[in-house]
Amino acid sequence: MEVLDIYWILLWTCLGFALLSIFLGNMLDGILDSIFDSLGEFFNPLLVFGTLSVVAGSGVLWTKYSQTNPVYVLLISVLTGIGAYILIYHFLVIPMSNAESSTSISVNDLKGRTGEVITTIPATGMGEVLIPSSQGSRHETALSFDRQEIKQGKTIVVVEVKDQLLYVSELEEL
C-alpha cells in the first residue's frame, strides 16, 4: 500500500462520515456527543473530521502533484490541517456555541409590554392575556395589579412579573 492510498482512504472515510451524518445525524450526534463531551469543546466531531479531511486532501495533492519527500508531505499536510482546525474552531465552532438556541423571550422581559385580555381577569383571581411580539404572540397567566376586574378584550400593560405571573393594569385610551 502506497502513501497516496492511505491519504485516499482517509479522505473517503471522512467523506463517508459526512454523508452518514447527513442521513443519520441525530443518532450519530447522540453517540458522538457522549464520546466527545468527555474530551471537551476543543475536540468535537466537526473539528476532528474536518481536520482529517484537510490533512488527507492536502496529502493527496502534495503527493500527486509534487516530487516532495513523503515525510515532508505528511508534515505539510499536518500543518495545513492544524491551520484548518484553528480556522474552523474560531470562525465556526465558537460563534455557533455562542449563538442563542431560542428566539423566544423570557417572561421577565415582558414588563412594560402591552397586550389584550383573552380570559377575563377577576379582581382577586387569575386570567389570561395575549402579548404580541416580533417572535410571535404569547399567552400568559395574569393577575390584576390594581385588584380590579379587567374584562376580556381590554388592552393591558404588564406592570410587574413575579413567580412567572404577570401583574397587569388596564390601559385606558386617551
N, C-alpha and C. Protein backbone atom coordinates (compact mmCIF):
# COMPACT_ATOMS: atom_id res chain seq x y z
N MET A 1 0.86 -1.17 0.00
CA MET A 1 0.00 0.00 0.00
C MET A 1 0.91 1.24 0.00
N GLU A 2 0.60 2.12 -0.91
CA GLU A 2 1.39 3.35 -1.02
C GLU A 2 0.85 4.44 -0.10
N VAL A 3 1.66 5.48 0.08
CA VAL A 3 1.27 6.60 0.92
C VAL A 3 0.04 7.30 0.35
N LEU A 4 -0.01 7.44 -0.97
CA LEU A 4 -1.16 8.07 -1.62
C LEU A 4 -2.45 7.32 -1.31
N ASP A 5 -2.38 5.99 -1.28
CA ASP A 5 -3.56 5.19 -0.96
C ASP A 5 -4.06 5.46 0.47
N ILE A 6 -3.14 5.65 1.38
CA ILE A 6 -3.53 5.94 2.77
C ILE A 6 -4.27 7.27 2.85
N TYR A 7 -3.76 8.28 2.13
CA TYR A 7 -4.44 9.58 2.10
C TYR A 7 -5.84 9.45 1.49
N TRP A 8 -5.95 8.67 0.40
CA TRP A 8 -7.25 8.48 -0.24
C TRP A 8 -8.23 7.77 0.70
N ILE A 9 -7.77 6.75 1.39
CA ILE A 9 -8.63 6.02 2.33
C ILE A 9 -9.13 6.96 3.43
N LEU A 10 -8.23 7.77 3.97
CA LEU A 10 -8.61 8.73 5.00
C LEU A 10 -9.62 9.74 4.47
N LEU A 11 -9.39 10.22 3.25
CA LEU A 11 -10.30 11.19 2.64
C LEU A 11 -11.69 10.59 2.41
N TRP A 12 -11.74 9.37 1.86
CA TRP A 12 -13.02 8.72 1.61
C TRP A 12 -13.75 8.36 2.92
N THR A 13 -12.99 8.00 3.94
CA THR A 13 -13.60 7.71 5.25
C THR A 13 -14.26 8.95 5.81
N CYS A 14 -13.58 10.09 5.72
CA CYS A 14 -14.16 11.34 6.21
C CYS A 14 -15.38 11.74 5.39
N LEU A 15 -15.33 11.53 4.08
CA LEU A 15 -16.48 11.81 3.23
C LEU A 15 -17.65 10.89 3.60
N GLY A 16 -17.35 9.62 3.84
CA GLY A 16 -18.39 8.68 4.27
C GLY A 16 -19.03 9.09 5.57
N PHE A 17 -18.20 9.55 6.52
CA PHE A 17 -18.74 10.02 7.79
C PHE A 17 -19.63 11.24 7.58
N ALA A 18 -19.22 12.14 6.69
CA ALA A 18 -20.02 13.33 6.40
C ALA A 18 -21.39 12.93 5.83
N LEU A 19 -21.40 11.98 4.90
CA LEU A 19 -22.67 11.52 4.32
C LEU A 19 -23.53 10.82 5.37
N LEU A 20 -22.91 10.00 6.22
CA LEU A 20 -23.66 9.35 7.29
C LEU A 20 -24.27 10.37 8.24
N SER A 21 -23.52 11.41 8.52
CA SER A 21 -24.05 12.42 9.45
C SER A 21 -25.21 13.20 8.85
N ILE A 22 -25.25 13.29 7.52
CA ILE A 22 -26.39 13.94 6.88
C ILE A 22 -27.65 13.11 7.07
N PHE A 23 -27.54 11.79 6.87
CA PHE A 23 -28.71 10.92 6.91
C PHE A 23 -29.04 10.41 8.32
N LEU A 24 -28.03 10.22 9.14
CA LEU A 24 -28.24 9.70 10.48
C LEU A 24 -27.73 10.67 11.54
N GLY A 25 -27.84 11.95 11.24
CA GLY A 25 -27.24 12.98 12.08
C GLY A 25 -27.68 12.95 13.53
N ASN A 26 -28.97 12.82 13.77
CA ASN A 26 -29.46 12.86 15.16
C ASN A 26 -28.95 11.68 15.97
N MET A 27 -28.95 10.50 15.36
CA MET A 27 -28.48 9.32 16.07
C MET A 27 -26.97 9.41 16.31
N LEU A 28 -26.22 9.79 15.28
CA LEU A 28 -24.77 9.93 15.43
C LEU A 28 -24.42 11.04 16.42
N ASP A 29 -25.23 12.09 16.42
CA ASP A 29 -24.98 13.21 17.33
C ASP A 29 -25.01 12.74 18.78
N GLY A 30 -25.98 11.94 19.11
CA GLY A 30 -26.07 11.42 20.47
C GLY A 30 -24.91 10.52 20.83
N ILE A 31 -24.52 9.66 19.91
CA ILE A 31 -23.41 8.74 20.16
C ILE A 31 -22.10 9.51 20.28
N LEU A 32 -21.83 10.38 19.32
CA LEU A 32 -20.57 11.10 19.31
C LEU A 32 -20.49 12.14 20.42
N ASP A 33 -21.64 12.73 20.80
CA ASP A 33 -21.61 13.70 21.89
C ASP A 33 -21.14 13.04 23.17
N SER A 34 -21.60 11.82 23.41
CA SER A 34 -21.18 11.14 24.64
C SER A 34 -19.68 10.83 24.61
N ILE A 35 -19.15 10.55 23.44
CA ILE A 35 -17.72 10.28 23.32
C ILE A 35 -16.91 11.56 23.42
N PHE A 36 -17.30 12.58 22.64
CA PHE A 36 -16.51 13.79 22.54
C PHE A 36 -16.74 14.77 23.69
N ASP A 37 -17.87 14.66 24.41
CA ASP A 37 -18.12 15.57 25.53
C ASP A 37 -17.08 15.42 26.62
N SER A 38 -16.62 14.20 26.82
CA SER A 38 -15.61 13.98 27.85
C SER A 38 -14.27 14.60 27.47
N LEU A 39 -14.05 14.84 26.17
CA LEU A 39 -12.80 15.43 25.71
C LEU A 39 -12.83 16.95 25.69
N GLY A 40 -14.00 17.53 25.79
CA GLY A 40 -14.13 18.99 25.81
C GLY A 40 -14.56 19.54 24.46
N GLU A 41 -14.84 20.84 24.45
CA GLU A 41 -15.33 21.51 23.24
C GLU A 41 -14.26 21.57 22.15
N PHE A 42 -13.00 21.53 22.55
CA PHE A 42 -11.91 21.67 21.59
C PHE A 42 -11.79 20.44 20.69
N PHE A 43 -12.35 19.31 21.12
CA PHE A 43 -12.34 18.09 20.30
C PHE A 43 -13.76 17.66 20.01
N ASN A 44 -14.38 18.28 19.02
CA ASN A 44 -15.71 17.82 18.64
C ASN A 44 -15.65 17.21 17.24
N PRO A 45 -16.65 16.45 16.85
CA PRO A 45 -16.61 15.74 15.57
C PRO A 45 -16.38 16.65 14.36
N LEU A 46 -16.99 17.82 14.38
CA LEU A 46 -16.81 18.76 13.28
C LEU A 46 -15.34 19.09 13.10
N LEU A 47 -14.66 19.36 14.20
CA LEU A 47 -13.24 19.71 14.13
C LEU A 47 -12.37 18.52 13.75
N VAL A 48 -12.61 17.40 14.38
CA VAL A 48 -11.77 16.23 14.15
C VAL A 48 -11.87 15.75 12.70
N PHE A 49 -13.09 15.53 12.22
CA PHE A 49 -13.24 15.01 10.86
C PHE A 49 -12.94 16.07 9.81
N GLY A 50 -13.22 17.33 10.11
CA GLY A 50 -12.84 18.41 9.20
C GLY A 50 -11.33 18.49 9.04
N THR A 51 -10.62 18.40 10.15
CA THR A 51 -9.15 18.45 10.12
C THR A 51 -8.58 17.24 9.39
N LEU A 52 -9.11 16.06 9.67
CA LEU A 52 -8.62 14.86 8.98
C LEU A 52 -8.86 14.95 7.47
N SER A 53 -9.99 15.53 7.08
CA SER A 53 -10.27 15.70 5.65
C SER A 53 -9.26 16.63 5.00
N VAL A 54 -8.91 17.72 5.68
CA VAL A 54 -7.93 18.66 5.14
C VAL A 54 -6.56 18.01 5.06
N VAL A 55 -6.18 17.26 6.10
CA VAL A 55 -4.89 16.56 6.09
C VAL A 55 -4.84 15.58 4.92
N ALA A 56 -5.90 14.80 4.75
CA ALA A 56 -5.93 13.80 3.67
C ALA A 56 -5.93 14.46 2.30
N GLY A 57 -6.75 15.49 2.13
CA GLY A 57 -6.79 16.19 0.84
C GLY A 57 -5.47 16.84 0.50
N SER A 58 -4.87 17.47 1.48
CA SER A 58 -3.56 18.08 1.28
C SER A 58 -2.51 17.02 0.94
N GLY A 59 -2.58 15.90 1.62
CA GLY A 59 -1.65 14.80 1.35
C GLY A 59 -1.79 14.27 -0.06
N VAL A 60 -3.04 14.11 -0.50
CA VAL A 60 -3.28 13.63 -1.87
C VAL A 60 -2.69 14.61 -2.88
N LEU A 61 -2.97 15.89 -2.70
CA LEU A 61 -2.49 16.90 -3.66
C LEU A 61 -0.97 17.00 -3.68
N TRP A 62 -0.35 17.06 -2.51
CA TRP A 62 1.11 17.19 -2.46
C TRP A 62 1.80 15.93 -2.99
N THR A 63 1.24 14.76 -2.69
CA THR A 63 1.84 13.51 -3.17
C THR A 63 1.71 13.38 -4.68
N LYS A 64 0.53 13.72 -5.19
CA LYS A 64 0.25 13.53 -6.60
C LYS A 64 0.92 14.57 -7.50
N TYR A 65 0.98 15.83 -7.05
CA TYR A 65 1.43 16.89 -7.94
C TYR A 65 2.80 17.49 -7.59
N SER A 66 3.52 16.87 -6.67
CA SER A 66 4.88 17.34 -6.39
C SER A 66 5.79 16.14 -6.20
N GLN A 67 7.05 16.39 -6.25
CA GLN A 67 8.03 15.33 -6.05
C GLN A 67 8.63 15.40 -4.64
N THR A 68 7.85 15.98 -3.71
CA THR A 68 8.32 16.18 -2.35
C THR A 68 8.39 14.85 -1.61
N ASN A 69 9.36 14.75 -0.72
CA ASN A 69 9.56 13.57 0.11
C ASN A 69 8.28 13.30 0.92
N PRO A 70 7.82 12.04 1.01
CA PRO A 70 6.58 11.73 1.74
C PRO A 70 6.57 12.21 3.20
N VAL A 71 7.73 12.26 3.85
CA VAL A 71 7.78 12.74 5.23
C VAL A 71 7.44 14.23 5.26
N TYR A 72 7.97 14.99 4.29
CA TYR A 72 7.67 16.41 4.20
C TYR A 72 6.21 16.65 3.82
N VAL A 73 5.69 15.78 2.95
CA VAL A 73 4.28 15.89 2.57
C VAL A 73 3.40 15.71 3.81
N LEU A 74 3.73 14.71 4.63
CA LEU A 74 2.96 14.47 5.86
C LEU A 74 3.06 15.69 6.78
N LEU A 75 4.27 16.24 6.93
CA LEU A 75 4.46 17.41 7.77
C LEU A 75 3.66 18.62 7.26
N ILE A 76 3.73 18.86 5.95
CA ILE A 76 2.97 19.96 5.35
C ILE A 76 1.46 19.74 5.52
N SER A 77 1.02 18.52 5.30
CA SER A 77 -0.41 18.20 5.43
C SER A 77 -0.90 18.38 6.86
N VAL A 78 -0.11 17.95 7.82
CA VAL A 78 -0.50 18.10 9.23
C VAL A 78 -0.54 19.58 9.60
N LEU A 79 0.44 20.36 9.14
CA LEU A 79 0.43 21.80 9.42
C LEU A 79 -0.77 22.48 8.77
N THR A 80 -1.10 22.08 7.55
CA THR A 80 -2.29 22.61 6.87
C THR A 80 -3.55 22.23 7.66
N GLY A 81 -3.61 20.99 8.15
CA GLY A 81 -4.74 20.54 8.95
C GLY A 81 -4.87 21.32 10.25
N ILE A 82 -3.74 21.61 10.89
CA ILE A 82 -3.77 22.40 12.13
C ILE A 82 -4.29 23.81 11.83
N GLY A 83 -3.84 24.38 10.72
CA GLY A 83 -4.34 25.70 10.32
C GLY A 83 -5.85 25.67 10.08
N ALA A 84 -6.33 24.64 9.39
CA ALA A 84 -7.77 24.50 9.15
C ALA A 84 -8.52 24.30 10.45
N TYR A 85 -7.94 23.53 11.36
CA TYR A 85 -8.54 23.29 12.67
C TYR A 85 -8.75 24.60 13.40
N ILE A 86 -7.72 25.44 13.42
CA ILE A 86 -7.79 26.73 14.11
C ILE A 86 -8.85 27.62 13.47
N LEU A 87 -8.87 27.65 12.12
CA LEU A 87 -9.87 28.47 11.43
C LEU A 87 -11.29 27.98 11.69
N ILE A 88 -11.50 26.67 11.61
CA ILE A 88 -12.84 26.11 11.86
C ILE A 88 -13.26 26.40 13.30
N TYR A 89 -12.34 26.23 14.23
CA TYR A 89 -12.67 26.45 15.64
C TYR A 89 -13.07 27.91 15.90
N HIS A 90 -12.26 28.84 15.39
CA HIS A 90 -12.51 30.25 15.69
C HIS A 90 -13.64 30.87 14.87
N PHE A 91 -13.86 30.40 13.66
CA PHE A 91 -14.87 31.03 12.81
C PHE A 91 -16.16 30.23 12.68
N LEU A 92 -16.20 29.01 13.21
CA LEU A 92 -17.41 28.21 13.10
C LEU A 92 -17.88 27.70 14.47
N VAL A 93 -17.01 27.03 15.19
CA VAL A 93 -17.43 26.41 16.46
C VAL A 93 -17.74 27.47 17.52
N ILE A 94 -16.84 28.43 17.73
CA ILE A 94 -17.07 29.45 18.76
C ILE A 94 -18.33 30.27 18.47
N PRO A 95 -18.51 30.81 17.25
CA PRO A 95 -19.76 31.56 17.00
C PRO A 95 -21.01 30.71 17.16
N MET A 96 -20.96 29.43 16.75
CA MET A 96 -22.13 28.58 16.88
C MET A 96 -22.44 28.27 18.34
N SER A 97 -21.41 28.09 19.16
CA SER A 97 -21.66 27.80 20.57
C SER A 97 -22.15 29.03 21.33
N ASN A 98 -21.82 30.22 20.84
CA ASN A 98 -22.28 31.45 21.47
C ASN A 98 -23.65 31.89 20.97
N ALA A 99 -24.13 31.28 19.90
CA ALA A 99 -25.41 31.67 19.32
C ALA A 99 -26.55 31.22 20.23
N GLU A 100 -27.61 31.99 20.24
CA GLU A 100 -28.78 31.64 21.03
C GLU A 100 -29.48 30.47 20.36
N SER A 101 -29.93 29.54 21.16
CA SER A 101 -30.64 28.39 20.62
C SER A 101 -32.14 28.63 20.53
N SER A 102 -32.58 29.74 21.04
CA SER A 102 -34.01 30.03 21.03
C SER A 102 -34.23 31.50 20.70
N THR A 103 -35.30 31.75 19.98
CA THR A 103 -35.63 33.14 19.67
C THR A 103 -36.69 33.69 20.62
N SER A 104 -37.16 32.84 21.53
CA SER A 104 -38.20 33.31 22.45
C SER A 104 -37.59 34.20 23.53
N ILE A 105 -38.47 35.00 24.14
CA ILE A 105 -38.02 35.90 25.19
C ILE A 105 -38.48 35.37 26.53
N SER A 106 -37.81 35.77 27.57
CA SER A 106 -38.15 35.37 28.92
C SER A 106 -39.42 36.09 29.37
N VAL A 107 -40.14 35.46 30.27
CA VAL A 107 -41.34 36.09 30.82
C VAL A 107 -40.97 37.37 31.56
N ASN A 108 -39.77 37.44 32.10
CA ASN A 108 -39.32 38.65 32.81
C ASN A 108 -39.11 39.82 31.85
N ASP A 109 -38.94 39.55 30.56
CA ASP A 109 -38.76 40.61 29.58
C ASP A 109 -40.08 41.24 29.15
N LEU A 110 -41.19 40.74 29.65
CA LEU A 110 -42.50 41.25 29.24
C LEU A 110 -42.93 42.50 30.00
N LYS A 111 -42.19 42.86 31.03
CA LYS A 111 -42.55 44.04 31.82
C LYS A 111 -42.56 45.27 30.92
N GLY A 112 -43.67 46.03 30.99
CA GLY A 112 -43.83 47.23 30.17
C GLY A 112 -44.50 46.97 28.84
N ARG A 113 -44.69 45.73 28.46
CA ARG A 113 -45.34 45.41 27.19
C ARG A 113 -46.85 45.52 27.32
N THR A 114 -47.48 45.75 26.18
CA THR A 114 -48.94 45.83 26.15
C THR A 114 -49.50 44.56 25.51
N GLY A 115 -50.73 44.27 25.81
CA GLY A 115 -51.38 43.10 25.26
C GLY A 115 -52.88 43.20 25.40
N GLU A 116 -53.54 42.07 25.24
CA GLU A 116 -55.00 42.04 25.29
C GLU A 116 -55.45 40.92 26.21
N VAL A 117 -56.49 41.18 26.98
CA VAL A 117 -57.05 40.16 27.87
C VAL A 117 -57.86 39.18 27.02
N ILE A 118 -57.56 37.90 27.13
CA ILE A 118 -58.33 36.90 26.37
C ILE A 118 -59.23 36.08 27.29
N THR A 119 -58.93 36.06 28.59
CA THR A 119 -59.82 35.48 29.59
C THR A 119 -59.93 36.51 30.71
N THR A 120 -61.16 36.93 31.00
CA THR A 120 -61.38 37.99 32.00
C THR A 120 -60.57 37.72 33.26
N ILE A 121 -59.94 38.79 33.76
CA ILE A 121 -59.14 38.69 34.98
C ILE A 121 -59.99 39.22 36.13
N PRO A 122 -60.39 38.35 37.08
CA PRO A 122 -61.19 38.83 38.21
C PRO A 122 -60.33 39.69 39.16
N ALA A 123 -60.98 40.41 40.03
CA ALA A 123 -60.27 41.31 40.94
C ALA A 123 -59.26 40.55 41.82
N THR A 124 -59.61 39.34 42.24
CA THR A 124 -58.71 38.59 43.12
C THR A 124 -58.30 37.24 42.54
N GLY A 125 -58.45 37.07 41.25
CA GLY A 125 -58.10 35.78 40.65
C GLY A 125 -57.20 35.95 39.44
N MET A 126 -57.10 34.89 38.68
CA MET A 126 -56.23 34.89 37.51
C MET A 126 -57.02 34.82 36.23
N GLY A 127 -56.44 35.40 35.19
CA GLY A 127 -56.99 35.33 33.85
C GLY A 127 -55.85 35.09 32.89
N GLU A 128 -56.13 35.33 31.62
CA GLU A 128 -55.10 35.08 30.61
C GLU A 128 -55.01 36.28 29.68
N VAL A 129 -53.76 36.61 29.30
CA VAL A 129 -53.53 37.72 28.38
C VAL A 129 -52.71 37.23 27.19
N LEU A 130 -52.86 37.96 26.09
CA LEU A 130 -52.10 37.68 24.87
C LEU A 130 -51.14 38.85 24.67
N ILE A 131 -49.84 38.54 24.64
CA ILE A 131 -48.82 39.57 24.45
C ILE A 131 -48.18 39.35 23.08
N PRO A 132 -48.40 40.29 22.13
CA PRO A 132 -47.78 40.13 20.81
C PRO A 132 -46.31 40.55 20.85
N SER A 133 -45.48 39.89 20.03
CA SER A 133 -44.07 40.27 19.90
C SER A 133 -43.60 39.92 18.50
N SER A 134 -42.41 40.34 18.17
CA SER A 134 -41.88 40.07 16.83
C SER A 134 -41.62 38.58 16.62
N GLN A 135 -41.43 37.82 17.71
CA GLN A 135 -41.20 36.37 17.60
C GLN A 135 -42.49 35.57 17.60
N GLY A 136 -43.61 36.24 17.77
CA GLY A 136 -44.89 35.55 17.83
C GLY A 136 -45.62 35.93 19.11
N SER A 137 -46.89 35.66 19.15
CA SER A 137 -47.70 36.02 20.32
C SER A 137 -47.54 34.98 21.42
N ARG A 138 -47.70 35.44 22.66
CA ARG A 138 -47.60 34.55 23.82
C ARG A 138 -48.85 34.68 24.67
N HIS A 139 -49.32 33.56 25.17
CA HIS A 139 -50.41 33.53 26.13
C HIS A 139 -49.78 33.38 27.50
N GLU A 140 -50.14 34.25 28.43
CA GLU A 140 -49.58 34.19 29.78
C GLU A 140 -50.68 34.33 30.82
N THR A 141 -50.45 33.72 31.97
CA THR A 141 -51.36 33.86 33.10
C THR A 141 -51.13 35.21 33.75
N ALA A 142 -52.22 35.89 34.09
CA ALA A 142 -52.09 37.25 34.63
C ALA A 142 -53.03 37.47 35.80
N LEU A 143 -52.60 38.39 36.67
CA LEU A 143 -53.40 38.86 37.79
C LEU A 143 -53.55 40.37 37.66
N SER A 144 -54.61 40.91 38.27
CA SER A 144 -54.83 42.35 38.22
C SER A 144 -53.93 43.04 39.25
N PHE A 145 -53.09 43.93 38.79
CA PHE A 145 -52.19 44.67 39.67
C PHE A 145 -52.98 45.58 40.60
N ASP A 146 -54.04 46.18 40.09
CA ASP A 146 -54.85 47.12 40.86
C ASP A 146 -55.98 46.44 41.64
N ARG A 147 -56.06 45.11 41.53
CA ARG A 147 -57.13 44.31 42.16
C ARG A 147 -58.52 44.76 41.71
N GLN A 148 -58.60 45.06 40.40
CA GLN A 148 -59.89 45.39 39.77
C GLN A 148 -60.09 44.44 38.61
N GLU A 149 -61.35 44.07 38.39
CA GLU A 149 -61.65 43.16 37.29
C GLU A 149 -61.29 43.82 35.95
N ILE A 150 -60.66 43.03 35.06
CA ILE A 150 -60.34 43.52 33.71
C ILE A 150 -61.02 42.57 32.74
N LYS A 151 -61.96 43.10 31.97
CA LYS A 151 -62.80 42.29 31.08
C LYS A 151 -62.02 41.82 29.83
N GLN A 152 -62.52 40.74 29.27
CA GLN A 152 -61.97 40.19 28.03
C GLN A 152 -62.02 41.25 26.93
N GLY A 153 -60.94 41.33 26.13
CA GLY A 153 -60.87 42.27 25.02
C GLY A 153 -60.23 43.60 25.38
N LYS A 154 -60.02 43.86 26.67
CA LYS A 154 -59.41 45.13 27.09
C LYS A 154 -57.90 45.09 26.84
N THR A 155 -57.33 46.27 26.59
CA THR A 155 -55.89 46.40 26.40
C THR A 155 -55.24 46.58 27.77
N ILE A 156 -54.15 45.87 28.00
CA ILE A 156 -53.47 45.92 29.29
C ILE A 156 -52.00 46.27 29.09
N VAL A 157 -51.34 46.63 30.19
CA VAL A 157 -49.90 46.83 30.22
C VAL A 157 -49.37 45.97 31.37
N VAL A 158 -48.23 45.32 31.15
CA VAL A 158 -47.62 44.49 32.19
C VAL A 158 -46.86 45.41 33.13
N VAL A 159 -47.29 45.45 34.38
CA VAL A 159 -46.69 46.32 35.38
C VAL A 159 -45.54 45.61 36.09
N GLU A 160 -45.72 44.31 36.36
CA GLU A 160 -44.74 43.59 37.17
C GLU A 160 -44.79 42.10 36.81
N VAL A 161 -43.69 41.40 37.03
CA VAL A 161 -43.63 39.95 36.84
C VAL A 161 -43.09 39.35 38.13
N LYS A 162 -43.89 38.46 38.74
CA LYS A 162 -43.48 37.77 39.97
C LYS A 162 -43.86 36.31 39.85
N ASP A 163 -42.93 35.43 40.16
CA ASP A 163 -43.18 33.99 40.16
C ASP A 163 -43.80 33.51 38.84
N GLN A 164 -43.30 34.01 37.74
CA GLN A 164 -43.76 33.64 36.39
C GLN A 164 -45.21 34.06 36.11
N LEU A 165 -45.74 34.97 36.91
CA LEU A 165 -47.09 35.50 36.70
C LEU A 165 -46.98 36.98 36.35
N LEU A 166 -47.84 37.42 35.43
CA LEU A 166 -47.86 38.82 35.04
C LEU A 166 -48.88 39.57 35.88
N TYR A 167 -48.47 40.70 36.40
CA TYR A 167 -49.39 41.61 37.09
C TYR A 167 -49.66 42.75 36.13
N VAL A 168 -50.92 42.87 35.72
CA VAL A 168 -51.27 43.81 34.66
C VAL A 168 -52.29 44.84 35.14
N SER A 169 -52.30 45.96 34.43
CA SER A 169 -53.32 47.00 34.65
C SER A 169 -53.96 47.31 33.33
N GLU A 170 -55.23 47.71 33.41
CA GLU A 170 -55.92 48.09 32.18
C GLU A 170 -55.30 49.36 31.63
N LEU A 171 -55.07 49.37 30.35
CA LEU A 171 -54.51 50.55 29.68
C LEU A 171 -55.68 51.34 29.12
N GLU A 172 -55.89 52.50 29.68
CA GLU A 172 -57.05 53.29 29.28
C GLU A 172 -56.71 54.16 28.07
N GLU A 173 -57.64 54.22 27.14
CA GLU A 173 -57.47 55.02 25.92
C GLU A 173 -57.56 56.48 26.27
N LEU A 174 -56.73 57.30 25.63
CA LEU A 174 -56.75 58.76 25.85
C LEU A 174 -57.59 59.44 24.83
